[in-house]
Every structure is written in C-alpha cells, then in structure tokens.
Amino acid sequence: KMARLKQAKQEAEREIAAFRAQLEAEHQKK
C-alpha cells in the first residue's frame, strides 16, 4: 500500500514539474 502511495506521489511531482516547465516556457516567450 505504501509503495503505491509513493508511486502516486512521484507521478504527481512529475506532472507538477512538467506543468512548471511549461509555464516557464510560456513566460520566456513573451
């Protein structure tokens, strides 16, 4: 059970990192 929770957390962090990178790219475009 803990392993699954850990995996879900890692996936969420990866999504947040991707979202942040996208925001940075959009910001630098201006």
N, C-alpha and C. Protein backbone atom coordinates (compact mmCIF):
# COMPACT_ATOMS: atom_id res chain seq x y z
N LYS A 1 0.84 -1.20 0.00
CA LYS A 1 0.00 0.00 0.00
C LYS A 1 0.88 1.26 0.00
N MET A 2 1.89 1.27 0.81
CA MET A 2 2.78 2.44 0.86
C MET A 2 3.49 2.66 -0.47
N ALA A 3 3.87 1.56 -1.11
CA ALA A 3 4.58 1.67 -2.39
C ALA A 3 3.72 2.38 -3.42
N ARG A 4 2.43 2.03 -3.43
CA ARG A 4 1.52 2.65 -4.40
C ARG A 4 1.36 4.14 -4.13
N LEU A 5 1.29 4.47 -2.85
CA LEU A 5 1.15 5.88 -2.46
C LEU A 5 2.40 6.65 -2.88
N LYS A 6 3.55 6.02 -2.67
CA LYS A 6 4.82 6.64 -3.05
C LYS A 6 4.87 6.86 -4.56
N GLN A 7 4.41 5.85 -5.30
CA GLN A 7 4.42 5.95 -6.76
C GLN A 7 3.50 7.07 -7.23
N ALA A 8 2.34 7.17 -6.60
CA ALA A 8 1.37 8.21 -6.98
C ALA A 8 1.97 9.59 -6.70
N LYS A 9 2.68 9.70 -5.59
CA LYS A 9 3.31 10.97 -5.23
C LYS A 9 4.37 11.35 -6.26
N GLN A 10 5.15 10.36 -6.68
CA GLN A 10 6.19 10.61 -7.68
C GLN A 10 5.57 11.07 -8.99
N GLU A 11 4.46 10.43 -9.38
CA GLU A 11 3.79 10.80 -10.63
C GLU A 11 3.25 12.23 -10.53
N ALA A 12 2.70 12.56 -9.38
CA ALA A 12 2.15 13.91 -9.18
C ALA A 12 3.28 14.94 -9.26
N GLU A 13 4.40 14.63 -8.65
CA GLU A 13 5.54 15.56 -8.68
C GLU A 13 6.04 15.75 -10.10
N ARG A 14 6.01 14.64 -10.87
CA ARG A 14 6.47 14.71 -12.26
C ARG A 14 5.53 15.61 -13.07
N GLU A 15 4.22 15.48 -12.80
CA GLU A 15 3.24 16.30 -13.52
C GLU A 15 3.42 17.78 -13.16
N ILE A 16 3.67 18.04 -11.87
CA ILE A 16 3.87 19.42 -11.42
C ILE A 16 5.13 19.99 -12.07
N ALA A 17 6.17 19.18 -12.15
CA ALA A 17 7.42 19.64 -12.76
C ALA A 17 7.19 19.98 -14.23
N ALA A 18 6.43 19.14 -14.92
CA ALA A 18 6.15 19.38 -16.34
C ALA A 18 5.32 20.64 -16.50
N PHE A 19 4.34 20.81 -15.61
CA PHE A 19 3.47 21.99 -15.66
C PHE A 19 4.30 23.26 -15.44
N ARG A 20 5.21 23.19 -14.46
CA ARG A 20 6.08 24.34 -14.17
C ARG A 20 6.96 24.67 -15.37
N ALA A 21 7.52 23.64 -16.00
CA ALA A 21 8.39 23.84 -17.16
C ALA A 21 7.61 24.51 -18.28
N GLN A 22 6.36 24.11 -18.44
CA GLN A 22 5.51 24.69 -19.48
C GLN A 22 5.26 26.17 -19.18
N LEU A 23 4.99 26.48 -17.92
CA LEU A 23 4.76 27.87 -17.52
C LEU A 23 6.01 28.70 -17.78
N GLU A 24 7.17 28.16 -17.44
CA GLU A 24 8.43 28.86 -17.66
C GLU A 24 8.62 29.15 -19.14
N ALA A 25 8.33 28.16 -19.98
CA ALA A 25 8.48 28.32 -21.43
C ALA A 25 7.55 29.42 -21.93
N GLU A 26 6.32 29.40 -21.45
CA GLU A 26 5.35 30.42 -21.87
C GLU A 26 5.83 31.81 -21.44
N HIS A 27 6.37 31.88 -20.25
CA HIS A 27 6.82 33.16 -19.71
C HIS A 27 8.00 33.71 -20.51
N GLN A 28 8.91 32.81 -20.91
CA GLN A 28 10.11 33.25 -21.64
C GLN A 28 9.78 33.65 -23.07
N LYS A 29 8.65 33.17 -23.57
CA LYS A 29 8.24 33.51 -24.95
C LYS A 29 7.96 35.00 -25.11
N LYS A 30 7.39 35.60 -24.08
CA LYS A 30 6.96 37.00 -24.15
C LYS A 30 8.12 37.96 -24.37
